[in-house]
């Protein structure tokens, strides 16, 4: 009898404008780690909207991924926004500017 092969597990991430979003707790990483930069998003403050916790205050850090960049020079840009949508919009603009 032929052996049954299990399908390989796919590691699928949520994406926004074609780039991966990876979340752990109140931190989100946006972008490809193989690119020059990624954006680290910290959810600093949340509030209730109905039954959902929604981000009210978000900090963004555009971070160099290269090991050649000294740690004190890795953060290229910072910003603070009042919601996750605004934060993702800025993060997307930061990362698309590096590509062009």
N, C-alpha and C. Protein backbone atom coordinates (compact mmCIF):
# COMPACT_ATOMS: atom_id res chain seq x y z
N UNK A 1 0.83 -1.18 0.00
CA UNK A 1 0.00 0.00 0.00
C UNK A 1 0.88 1.25 0.00
N UNK A 2 0.57 2.25 -0.82
CA UNK A 2 1.39 3.46 -0.83
C UNK A 2 1.24 4.25 0.46
N UNK A 3 2.34 4.88 0.85
CA UNK A 3 2.33 5.69 2.08
C UNK A 3 1.59 7.00 1.83
N UNK A 4 0.89 7.42 2.85
CA UNK A 4 0.22 8.72 2.76
C UNK A 4 1.21 9.80 3.16
N UNK A 5 1.28 10.80 2.35
CA UNK A 5 2.17 11.92 2.65
C UNK A 5 1.31 13.09 3.13
N UNK A 6 1.73 13.64 4.22
CA UNK A 6 0.98 14.81 4.70
C UNK A 6 1.42 16.03 3.92
N UNK A 7 0.49 16.90 3.71
CA UNK A 7 0.80 18.14 2.97
C UNK A 7 1.74 19.00 3.80
N UNK A 8 2.72 19.63 3.15
CA UNK A 8 3.63 20.49 3.90
C UNK A 8 2.86 21.68 4.46
N UNK A 9 3.23 22.07 5.67
CA UNK A 9 2.58 23.21 6.31
C UNK A 9 3.04 24.50 5.66
N UNK A 10 2.08 25.33 5.35
CA UNK A 10 2.41 26.61 4.74
C UNK A 10 2.42 27.68 5.82
N UNK A 11 3.41 28.50 5.79
CA UNK A 11 3.51 29.61 6.73
C UNK A 11 2.96 30.83 6.02
N UNK A 12 1.71 31.14 6.26
CA UNK A 12 1.03 32.24 5.57
C UNK A 12 0.81 33.38 6.56
N UNK A 13 1.22 34.57 6.17
CA UNK A 13 1.06 35.75 7.01
C UNK A 13 -0.06 36.62 6.46
N UNK A 14 -0.66 37.40 7.35
CA UNK A 14 -1.54 38.45 6.88
C UNK A 14 -0.69 39.46 6.14
N UNK A 15 -1.26 40.11 5.15
CA UNK A 15 -0.50 41.13 4.42
C UNK A 15 -1.30 42.42 4.34
N UNK A 16 -0.58 43.50 4.13
CA UNK A 16 -1.17 44.81 3.88
C UNK A 16 -0.39 45.42 2.73
N UNK A 17 -1.06 45.70 1.64
CA UNK A 17 -0.45 46.23 0.43
C UNK A 17 0.73 45.37 -0.02
N UNK A 18 0.54 44.06 0.09
CA UNK A 18 1.51 43.11 -0.42
C UNK A 18 2.68 42.77 0.48
N UNK A 19 2.75 43.38 1.66
CA UNK A 19 3.85 43.08 2.59
C UNK A 19 3.31 42.37 3.83
N UNK A 20 4.10 41.46 4.40
CA UNK A 20 3.61 40.68 5.54
C UNK A 20 3.48 41.50 6.83
N UNK A 21 2.47 41.12 7.61
CA UNK A 21 2.24 41.67 8.96
C UNK A 21 2.38 40.52 9.94
N UNK A 22 3.27 40.66 10.91
CA UNK A 22 3.46 39.62 11.92
C UNK A 22 3.25 40.26 13.28
N UNK A 23 2.30 39.69 14.04
CA UNK A 23 1.95 40.28 15.34
C UNK A 23 2.27 39.32 16.47
N UNK A 24 2.77 39.90 17.56
CA UNK A 24 2.94 39.17 18.81
C UNK A 24 2.57 40.14 19.92
N UNK A 25 1.47 39.88 20.58
CA UNK A 25 1.01 40.78 21.64
C UNK A 25 0.67 42.14 21.07
N UNK A 26 1.26 43.17 21.62
CA UNK A 26 1.02 44.54 21.17
C UNK A 26 2.11 45.05 20.24
N UNK A 27 2.80 44.16 19.59
CA UNK A 27 3.84 44.54 18.62
C UNK A 27 3.52 43.92 17.27
N UNK A 28 3.74 44.71 16.22
CA UNK A 28 3.52 44.24 14.85
C UNK A 28 4.77 44.59 14.04
N UNK A 29 5.24 43.63 13.28
CA UNK A 29 6.32 43.90 12.33
C UNK A 29 5.72 43.89 10.94
N UNK A 30 6.04 44.91 10.16
CA UNK A 30 5.49 45.07 8.82
C UNK A 30 6.63 45.15 7.82
N UNK A 31 6.60 44.27 6.83
CA UNK A 31 7.63 44.25 5.80
C UNK A 31 8.36 42.93 5.76
N UNK A 32 9.22 42.79 4.78
CA UNK A 32 10.04 41.59 4.61
C UNK A 32 11.37 41.77 5.32
N UNK A 33 11.76 40.81 6.11
CA UNK A 33 13.04 40.89 6.83
C UNK A 33 14.22 40.82 5.87
N UNK A 34 14.00 40.42 4.64
CA UNK A 34 15.07 40.38 3.65
C UNK A 34 15.27 41.73 2.96
N UNK A 35 14.34 42.66 3.16
CA UNK A 35 14.47 44.01 2.59
C UNK A 35 15.37 44.87 3.46
N UNK A 36 15.70 46.05 2.97
CA UNK A 36 16.60 46.96 3.68
C UNK A 36 16.00 47.44 5.01
N UNK A 37 14.67 47.66 5.04
CA UNK A 37 13.99 48.15 6.24
C UNK A 37 12.72 47.38 6.50
N UNK A 38 12.31 47.34 7.78
CA UNK A 38 10.98 46.90 8.20
C UNK A 38 10.45 47.97 9.14
N UNK A 39 9.17 47.91 9.43
CA UNK A 39 8.59 48.86 10.38
C UNK A 39 8.09 48.07 11.58
N UNK A 40 8.52 48.51 12.76
CA UNK A 40 8.08 47.93 14.03
C UNK A 40 7.00 48.84 14.55
N UNK A 41 5.83 48.29 14.81
CA UNK A 41 4.68 49.05 15.29
C UNK A 41 4.36 48.59 16.71
N UNK A 42 4.36 49.53 17.64
CA UNK A 42 3.99 49.25 19.02
C UNK A 42 2.61 49.83 19.30
N UNK A 43 1.70 49.00 19.79
CA UNK A 43 0.40 49.49 20.22
C UNK A 43 0.57 49.91 21.68
N UNK A 44 0.54 51.22 21.91
CA UNK A 44 0.83 51.78 23.22
C UNK A 44 -0.43 51.87 24.08
N UNK A 45 -1.55 52.18 23.45
CA UNK A 45 -2.79 52.38 24.20
C UNK A 45 -3.96 51.81 23.39
N UNK A 46 -4.86 51.11 24.08
CA UNK A 46 -6.05 50.58 23.43
C UNK A 46 -7.30 51.10 24.12
N UNK A 47 -8.42 51.01 23.44
CA UNK A 47 -9.70 51.39 24.00
C UNK A 47 -10.77 50.44 23.49
N UNK A 48 -11.91 50.42 24.14
CA UNK A 48 -13.01 49.53 23.75
C UNK A 48 -13.91 50.21 22.74
N UNK A 49 -14.24 49.49 21.69
CA UNK A 49 -15.28 49.88 20.74
C UNK A 49 -16.20 48.67 20.67
N UNK A 50 -17.33 48.77 21.32
CA UNK A 50 -18.19 47.60 21.46
C UNK A 50 -17.47 46.56 22.30
N UNK A 51 -17.34 45.37 21.76
CA UNK A 51 -16.64 44.29 22.46
C UNK A 51 -15.17 44.18 22.09
N UNK A 52 -14.72 45.02 21.15
CA UNK A 52 -13.36 44.90 20.63
C UNK A 52 -12.39 45.89 21.28
N UNK A 53 -11.16 45.43 21.50
CA UNK A 53 -10.07 46.34 21.88
C UNK A 53 -9.49 46.91 20.60
N UNK A 54 -9.42 48.23 20.52
CA UNK A 54 -8.95 48.92 19.32
C UNK A 54 -7.76 49.79 19.70
N UNK A 55 -6.74 49.83 18.83
CA UNK A 55 -5.56 50.65 19.07
C UNK A 55 -5.94 52.13 19.06
N UNK A 56 -5.54 52.84 20.11
CA UNK A 56 -5.81 54.28 20.20
C UNK A 56 -4.53 55.11 20.01
N UNK A 57 -3.41 54.55 20.42
CA UNK A 57 -2.12 55.24 20.30
C UNK A 57 -1.08 54.22 19.83
N UNK A 58 -0.40 54.55 18.73
CA UNK A 58 0.52 53.61 18.09
C UNK A 58 1.84 54.33 17.79
N UNK A 59 2.96 53.66 18.08
CA UNK A 59 4.29 54.20 17.73
C UNK A 59 4.88 53.35 16.62
N UNK A 60 5.56 54.04 15.70
CA UNK A 60 6.19 53.36 14.57
C UNK A 60 7.68 53.63 14.57
N UNK A 61 8.44 52.61 14.18
CA UNK A 61 9.89 52.73 14.05
C UNK A 61 10.30 52.06 12.74
N UNK A 62 10.91 52.80 11.85
CA UNK A 62 11.46 52.21 10.62
C UNK A 62 12.87 51.75 10.97
N UNK A 63 13.10 50.45 10.86
CA UNK A 63 14.34 49.85 11.36
C UNK A 63 15.11 49.18 10.22
N UNK A 64 16.40 49.43 10.16
CA UNK A 64 17.28 48.77 9.20
C UNK A 64 17.44 47.30 9.60
N UNK A 65 17.41 46.41 8.62
CA UNK A 65 17.53 44.98 8.91
C UNK A 65 18.96 44.46 8.78
N UNK A 66 19.85 45.26 8.23
CA UNK A 66 21.23 44.82 7.99
C UNK A 66 22.00 44.69 9.30
N UNK A 67 22.77 43.63 9.39
CA UNK A 67 23.65 43.44 10.54
C UNK A 67 24.85 44.37 10.49
N UNK A 68 25.11 44.98 9.32
CA UNK A 68 26.25 45.89 9.17
C UNK A 68 25.98 47.27 9.76
N UNK A 69 24.71 47.58 10.01
CA UNK A 69 24.34 48.89 10.57
C UNK A 69 24.50 48.81 12.09
N UNK A 70 25.24 49.76 12.69
CA UNK A 70 25.40 49.76 14.15
C UNK A 70 24.04 49.90 14.85
N UNK A 71 23.87 49.26 16.00
CA UNK A 71 22.58 49.30 16.70
C UNK A 71 22.05 50.72 16.96
N UNK A 72 22.94 51.65 17.25
CA UNK A 72 22.49 53.01 17.54
C UNK A 72 22.07 53.78 16.29
N UNK A 73 22.26 53.18 15.10
CA UNK A 73 21.86 53.83 13.85
C UNK A 73 20.76 53.05 13.11
N UNK A 74 20.23 52.00 13.71
CA UNK A 74 19.23 51.16 13.04
C UNK A 74 17.89 51.86 12.84
N UNK A 75 17.49 52.74 13.74
CA UNK A 75 16.19 53.41 13.62
C UNK A 75 16.33 54.60 12.68
N UNK A 76 15.64 54.51 11.53
CA UNK A 76 15.74 55.56 10.51
C UNK A 76 14.66 56.62 10.65
N UNK A 77 13.44 56.21 11.03
CA UNK A 77 12.31 57.13 11.20
C UNK A 77 11.47 56.69 12.39
N UNK A 78 10.79 57.65 13.00
CA UNK A 78 9.82 57.33 14.04
C UNK A 78 8.58 58.20 13.84
N UNK A 79 7.47 57.72 14.34
CA UNK A 79 6.23 58.50 14.29
C UNK A 79 5.28 57.96 15.35
N UNK A 80 4.27 58.74 15.65
CA UNK A 80 3.22 58.32 16.57
C UNK A 80 1.88 58.68 15.93
N UNK A 81 0.96 57.73 15.91
CA UNK A 81 -0.35 57.92 15.28
C UNK A 81 -1.47 57.53 16.24
N UNK A 82 -2.69 57.95 15.89
CA UNK A 82 -3.82 57.72 16.79
C UNK A 82 -4.62 56.46 16.44
N UNK A 83 -4.14 55.66 15.52
CA UNK A 83 -4.84 54.42 15.19
C UNK A 83 -4.00 53.54 14.31
N UNK A 84 -4.39 52.28 14.22
CA UNK A 84 -3.61 51.31 13.46
C UNK A 84 -3.67 51.57 11.96
N UNK A 85 -4.82 52.00 11.45
CA UNK A 85 -4.92 52.26 10.02
C UNK A 85 -3.96 53.38 9.60
N UNK A 86 -3.95 54.47 10.35
CA UNK A 86 -3.02 55.57 10.05
C UNK A 86 -1.58 55.08 10.12
N UNK A 87 -1.28 54.26 11.12
CA UNK A 87 0.08 53.74 11.29
C UNK A 87 0.50 52.87 10.11
N UNK A 88 -0.39 52.00 9.66
CA UNK A 88 -0.07 51.14 8.52
C UNK A 88 0.08 51.94 7.24
N UNK A 89 -0.69 53.01 7.12
CA UNK A 89 -0.57 53.87 5.94
C UNK A 89 0.81 54.54 5.89
N UNK A 90 1.27 55.05 7.03
CA UNK A 90 2.61 55.68 7.10
C UNK A 90 3.68 54.61 6.86
N UNK A 91 3.53 53.46 7.49
CA UNK A 91 4.52 52.38 7.33
C UNK A 91 4.63 51.97 5.87
N UNK A 92 3.50 51.85 5.20
CA UNK A 92 3.49 51.49 3.79
C UNK A 92 4.21 52.54 2.96
N UNK A 93 3.98 53.81 3.25
CA UNK A 93 4.65 54.89 2.53
C UNK A 93 6.17 54.84 2.76
N UNK A 94 6.58 54.62 4.01
CA UNK A 94 8.01 54.54 4.32
C UNK A 94 8.67 53.43 3.50
N UNK A 95 8.03 52.26 3.48
CA UNK A 95 8.65 51.11 2.80
C UNK A 95 8.57 51.22 1.28
N UNK A 96 7.53 51.86 0.76
CA UNK A 96 7.45 52.01 -0.69
C UNK A 96 8.43 53.07 -1.18
N UNK A 97 8.75 54.05 -0.35
CA UNK A 97 9.74 55.08 -0.73
C UNK A 97 11.13 54.47 -0.86
N UNK A 98 11.45 53.50 -0.05
CA UNK A 98 12.77 52.87 -0.12
C UNK A 98 12.92 52.07 -1.41
N UNK A 99 11.79 51.54 -1.92
CA UNK A 99 11.86 50.73 -3.14
C UNK A 99 12.01 51.58 -4.38
N UNK A 100 11.52 52.83 -4.33
CA UNK A 100 11.56 53.68 -5.51
C UNK A 100 12.78 54.50 -5.53
